[in-house]
Structures are given as structure tokens and as C-alpha cells.
Amino acid sequence: MKFFSWGLLGAVLVFAIGVAHLVYTIQWVSRAERAIGKAGHTSFTKSTVSKTPGTYTVYVTYATKAGEGKTVGLSVWSRESYPEGSAVPVIFHPTQPGSTRLDTFVDLWLVPSVLVLWGVSWLVGCWRKYKREQAEATAS
């Protein structure tokens, strides 16, 4: 009846990484500014490494609160995600101009949410296994 296992270590690591990513995202969003940009043209970059065909980049122009215009390329799922001329919600850090991201759940919260939920479910599984082994040890 041992409490430590490699599965428990993996669960703790995944959970910790998820929480760290979540905290970082919360802090980043709290200091960031939001804007509505305008979608420009979309380009496609063929992948030379992975098995996926490639990635789409939409070029978005937006204005900061100081009135400064910026144009950035943001990765999107498909060419139809943001047609040319459509409104694009963006979030950016005012002191880090290269940090612009799409202001969507998927871009901001999906990865930390999945990691935290995966870590919690894995930890629950480890706990249940430990309790089951503990009950079997006391029964025999």
C-alpha cells in the first residue's frame, strides 16, 4: 500500500502546469487592453515539419487607447474565421506590442482549462486507486 506512484507524479505535474498557465493568463489579461480590430487579408503558410497542411494568418488592424494604429498577424483555424473587413476582438499588452492575441475563449482559456481539468480528473483517479488498494490491503 504505497501512496506515491508515477501516475500521481504525472497528475500533479499536469495540474501544476495547468494552474501556472491559468494564473499567468489571468495576470496577463488583467493588465491587457481590449480593442475591436478590422480583418485584412488572410495568408496561408504551408507546414514543412508537421503532418498538418499549414496555418492561416489573418492580418488585423486595430487602434490602441492612445490612438496608435497597429497591424498584426494572428493565427486562425481557417480562412473563413474572419473574412476581410469583419470585426476581430483582440487583446494586447500595452507595453509589449508583439503580444496581441485574439480575444476568444479558445485563444486565452482553452489550454489552461484542459490542463487543469485533465490534472484534476487524473488526481481523482489516483486517489480512487489508492483508496481501493488501501481497502484491499485492510480486507486481507
C-alpha atoms as a PDB file:
ATOM      1  CA  MET A   1       0.000   0.000   0.000  1.00  0.00           C
ATOM      2  CA  LYS A   2       2.061   2.902  -1.277  1.00  0.00           C
ATOM      3  CA  PHE A   3       0.797   6.415  -1.842  1.00  0.00           C
ATOM      4  CA  PHE A   4       3.416   7.518  -4.380  1.00  0.00           C
ATOM      5  CA  SER A   5       3.187   6.376  -7.978  1.00  0.00           C
ATOM      6  CA  TRP A   6       4.418   7.680 -11.310  1.00  0.00           C
ATOM      7  CA  GLY A   7       0.785   8.270 -12.241  1.00  0.00           C
ATOM      8  CA  LEU A   8       0.383  10.551  -9.226  1.00  0.00           C
ATOM      9  CA  LEU A   9       3.536  12.439 -10.200  1.00  0.00           C
ATOM     10  CA  GLY A  10       2.187  12.897 -13.735  1.00  0.00           C
ATOM     11  CA  ALA A  11      -1.187  14.076 -12.413  1.00  0.00           C
ATOM     12  CA  VAL A  12       0.423  16.606 -10.089  1.00  0.00           C
ATOM     13  CA  LEU A  13       2.665  17.892 -12.897  1.00  0.00           C
ATOM     14  CA  VAL A  14      -0.205  18.308 -15.365  1.00  0.00           C
ATOM     15  CA  PHE A  15      -2.339  20.009 -12.716  1.00  0.00           C
ATOM     16  CA  ALA A  16       0.528  22.313 -11.637  1.00  0.00           C
ATOM     17  CA  ILE A  17       1.325  23.294 -15.223  1.00  0.00           C
ATOM     18  CA  GLY A  18      -2.367  23.987 -15.832  1.00  0.00           C
ATOM     19  CA  VAL A  19      -2.667  26.142 -12.712  1.00  0.00           C
ATOM     20  CA  ALA A  20       0.541  28.029 -13.578  1.00  0.00           C
ATOM     21  CA  HIS A  21      -0.734  28.659 -17.112  1.00  0.00           C
ATOM     22  CA  LEU A  22      -4.109  29.767 -15.730  1.00  0.00           C
ATOM     23  CA  VAL A  23      -2.510  32.190 -13.248  1.00  0.00           C
ATOM     24  CA  TYR A  24      -0.254  33.603 -15.976  1.00  0.00           C
ATOM     25  CA  THR A  25      -3.242  34.103 -18.295  1.00  0.00           C
ATOM     26  CA  ILE A  26      -5.293  35.782 -15.554  1.00  0.00           C
ATOM     27  CA  GLN A  27      -2.425  38.160 -14.761  1.00  0.00           C
ATOM     28  CA  TRP A  28      -1.791  38.873 -18.446  1.00  0.00           C
ATOM     29  CA  VAL A  29      -5.477  39.571 -19.167  1.00  0.00           C
ATOM     30  CA  SER A  30      -5.765  41.837 -16.111  1.00  0.00           C
ATOM     31  CA  ARG A  31      -3.004  44.103 -17.480  1.00  0.00           C
ATOM     32  CA  ALA A  32      -4.064  43.926 -21.123  1.00  0.00           C
ATOM     33  CA  GLU A  33      -6.254  46.221 -23.188  1.00  0.00           C
ATOM     34  CA  ARG A  34      -9.061  45.132 -25.454  1.00  0.00           C
ATOM     35  CA  ALA A  35      -9.912  46.506 -28.873  1.00  0.00           C
ATOM     36  CA  ILE A  36     -12.004  45.626 -31.890  1.00  0.00           C
ATOM     37  CA  GLY A  37      -9.863  45.366 -34.966  1.00  0.00           C
ATOM     38  CA  LYS A  38     -10.654  45.008 -38.635  1.00  0.00           C
ATOM     39  CA  ALA A  39      -9.647  41.879 -40.503  1.00  0.00           C
ATOM     40  CA  GLY A  40      -7.442  42.355 -43.522  1.00  0.00           C
ATOM     41  CA  HIS A  41      -6.201  39.688 -45.890  1.00  0.00           C
ATOM     42  CA  THR A  42      -5.569  36.114 -44.799  1.00  0.00           C
ATOM     43  CA  SER A  43      -2.448  34.219 -45.785  1.00  0.00           C
ATOM     44  CA  PHE A  44      -1.626  30.513 -45.699  1.00  0.00           C
ATOM     45  CA  THR A  45       1.761  29.127 -44.678  1.00  0.00           C
ATOM     46  CA  LYS A  46       2.433  25.558 -45.745  1.00  0.00           C
ATOM     47  CA  SER A  47       3.845  23.367 -42.995  1.00  0.00           C
ATOM     48  CA  THR A  48       7.257  21.850 -43.642  1.00  0.00           C
ATOM     49  CA  VAL A  49       7.517  19.969 -40.353  1.00  0.00           C
ATOM     50  CA  SER A  50       4.183  18.685 -39.069  1.00  0.00           C
ATOM     51  CA  LYS A  51       1.602  16.481 -40.755  1.00  0.00           C
ATOM     52  CA  THR A  52      -0.930  19.319 -40.851  1.00  0.00           C
ATOM     53  CA  PRO A  53      -1.244  21.152 -44.161  1.00  0.00           C
ATOM     54  CA  GLY A  54      -0.273  24.501 -42.623  1.00  0.00           C
ATOM     55  CA  THR A  55      -1.648  27.535 -40.803  1.00  0.00           C
ATOM     56  CA  TYR A  56      -3.771  30.526 -41.713  1.00  0.00           C
ATOM     57  CA  THR A  57      -2.834  34.016 -40.579  1.00  0.00           C
ATOM     58  CA  VAL A  58      -5.302  36.886 -40.602  1.00  0.00           C
ATOM     59  CA  TYR A  59      -3.831  40.387 -40.558  1.00  0.00           C
ATOM     60  CA  VAL A  60      -5.750  42.588 -38.131  1.00  0.00           C
ATOM     61  CA  THR A  61      -5.546  46.368 -37.839  1.00  0.00           C
ATOM     62  CA  TYR A  62      -6.644  47.950 -34.572  1.00  0.00           C
ATOM     63  CA  ALA A  63      -6.147  51.167 -32.608  1.00  0.00           C
ATOM     64  CA  THR A  64      -4.727  51.356 -29.087  1.00  0.00           C
ATOM     65  CA  LYS A  65      -6.283  53.615 -26.429  1.00  0.00           C
ATOM     66  CA  ALA A  66      -3.534  56.114 -27.245  1.00  0.00           C
ATOM     67  CA  GLY A  67      -4.827  56.194 -30.833  1.00  0.00           C
ATOM     68  CA  GLU A  68      -1.819  54.390 -32.297  1.00  0.00           C
ATOM     69  CA  GLY A  69      -2.685  52.074 -35.192  1.00  0.00           C
ATOM     70  CA  LYS A  70      -1.210  48.577 -35.234  1.00  0.00           C
ATOM     71  CA  THR A  71      -1.375  45.719 -37.686  1.00  0.00           C
ATOM     72  CA  VAL A  72      -0.578  42.192 -36.517  1.00  0.00           C
ATOM     73  CA  GLY A  73      -0.809  38.705 -37.952  1.00  0.00           C
ATOM     74  CA  LEU A  74      -2.808  36.264 -35.820  1.00  0.00           C
ATOM     75  CA  SER A  75      -3.142  32.518 -36.357  1.00  0.00           C
ATOM     76  CA  VAL A  76      -6.673  31.317 -37.073  1.00  0.00           C
ATOM     77  CA  TRP A  77      -8.289  27.930 -37.729  1.00  0.00           C
ATOM     78  CA  SER A  78      -9.454  28.610 -41.257  1.00  0.00           C
ATOM     79  CA  ARG A  79      -9.625  31.238 -43.966  1.00  0.00           C
ATOM     80  CA  GLU A  80     -13.312  31.786 -43.149  1.00  0.00           C
ATOM     81  CA  SER A  81     -12.696  32.513 -39.436  1.00  0.00           C
ATOM     82  CA  TYR A  82     -12.524  36.271 -40.036  1.00  0.00           C
ATOM     83  CA  PRO A  83     -13.448  37.365 -43.570  1.00  0.00           C
ATOM     84  CA  GLU A  84     -11.767  40.515 -44.845  1.00  0.00           C
ATOM     85  CA  GLY A  85     -13.414  43.610 -43.339  1.00  0.00           C
ATOM     86  CA  SER A  86     -15.024  41.792 -40.394  1.00  0.00           C
ATOM     87  CA  ALA A  87     -14.660  42.825 -36.759  1.00  0.00           C
ATOM     88  CA  VAL A  88     -11.993  40.956 -34.808  1.00  0.00           C
ATOM     89  CA  PRO A  89     -11.820  41.105 -30.986  1.00  0.00           C
ATOM     90  CA  VAL A  90      -8.189  41.453 -29.901  1.00  0.00           C
ATOM     91  CA  ILE A  91      -6.427  41.778 -26.586  1.00  0.00           C
ATOM     92  CA  PHE A  92      -2.913  43.166 -26.216  1.00  0.00           C
ATOM     93  CA  HIS A  93      -0.468  44.245 -23.578  1.00  0.00           C
ATOM     94  CA  PRO A  94       0.210  47.981 -23.952  1.00  0.00           C
ATOM     95  CA  THR A  95       3.928  47.716 -23.125  1.00  0.00           C
ATOM     96  CA  GLN A  96       4.503  44.592 -25.240  1.00  0.00           C
ATOM     97  CA  PRO A  97       3.286  45.378 -28.738  1.00  0.00           C
ATOM     98  CA  GLY A  98       4.034  41.906 -30.086  1.00  0.00           C
ATOM     99  CA  SER A  99       1.760  40.228 -27.559  1.00  0.00           C
ATOM    100  CA  THR A 100      -1.559  40.717 -29.375  1.00  0.00           C
ATOM    101  CA  ARG A 101      -3.925  37.743 -29.261  1.00  0.00           C
ATOM    102  CA  LEU A 102      -7.464  37.018 -30.333  1.00  0.00           C
ATOM    103  CA  ASP A 103      -9.864  37.818 -27.502  1.00  0.00           C
ATOM    104  CA  THR A 104     -11.644  34.467 -27.617  1.00  0.00           C
ATOM    105  CA  PHE A 105     -12.095  31.620 -25.146  1.00  0.00           C
ATOM    106  CA  VAL A 106     -10.098  29.229 -27.322  1.00  0.00           C
ATOM    107  CA  ASP A 107      -7.073  31.510 -27.603  1.00  0.00           C
ATOM    108  CA  LEU A 108      -6.992  32.577 -23.966  1.00  0.00           C
ATOM    109  CA  TRP A 109      -8.529  29.899 -21.786  1.00  0.00           C
ATOM    110  CA  LEU A 110      -8.712  26.541 -23.606  1.00  0.00           C
ATOM    111  CA  VAL A 111      -5.214  25.219 -22.847  1.00  0.00           C
ATOM    112  CA  PRO A 112      -5.143  26.092 -19.130  1.00  0.00           C
ATOM    113  CA  SER A 113      -8.722  24.824 -18.693  1.00  0.00           C
ATOM    114  CA  VAL A 114      -7.965  21.492 -20.350  1.00  0.00           C
ATOM    115  CA  LEU A 115      -4.760  21.033 -18.349  1.00  0.00           C
ATOM    116  CA  VAL A 116      -6.446  21.818 -15.020  1.00  0.00           C
ATOM    117  CA  LEU A 117      -9.437  19.547 -15.752  1.00  0.00           C
ATOM    118  CA  TRP A 118      -7.163  16.758 -17.003  1.00  0.00           C
ATOM    119  CA  GLY A 119      -4.975  17.103 -13.898  1.00  0.00           C
ATOM    120  CA  VAL A 120      -7.973  17.080 -11.539  1.00  0.00           C
ATOM    121  CA  SER A 121      -9.512  14.017 -13.176  1.00  0.00           C
ATOM    122  CA  TRP A 122      -6.154  12.230 -13.117  1.00  0.00           C
ATOM    123  CA  LEU A 123      -5.682  13.133  -9.425  1.00  0.00           C
ATOM    124  CA  VAL A 124      -9.185  11.840  -8.623  1.00  0.00           C
ATOM    125  CA  GLY A 125      -8.324   8.609 -10.451  1.00  0.00           C
ATOM    126  CA  CYS A 126      -5.095   8.256  -8.451  1.00  0.00           C
ATOM    127  CA  TRP A 127      -6.945   8.931  -5.203  1.00  0.00           C
ATOM    128  CA  ARG A 128      -9.619   6.349  -6.005  1.00  0.00           C
ATOM    129  CA  LYS A 129      -6.938   3.777  -6.893  1.00  0.00           C
ATOM    130  CA  TYR A 130      -5.104   4.496  -3.620  1.00  0.00           C
ATOM    131  CA  LYS A 131      -8.322   4.124  -1.583  1.00  0.00           C
ATOM    132  CA  ARG A 132      -9.200   0.893  -3.414  1.00  0.00           C
ATOM    133  CA  GLU A 133      -5.725  -0.547  -2.736  1.00  0.00           C
ATOM    134  CA  GLN A 134      -5.965   0.588   0.897  1.00  0.00           C
ATOM    135  CA  ALA A 135      -9.332  -1.161   1.296  1.00  0.00           C
ATOM    136  CA  GLU A 136      -7.996  -4.349  -0.314  1.00  0.00           C
ATOM    137  CA  ALA A 137      -4.958  -4.302   1.998  1.00  0.00           C
ATOM    138  CA  THR A 138      -7.107  -3.964   5.121  1.00  0.00           C
ATOM    139  CA  ALA A 139      -9.524  -6.654   3.923  1.00  0.00           C
ATOM    140  CA  SER A 140      -6.758  -9.236   3.581  1.00  0.00           C
END
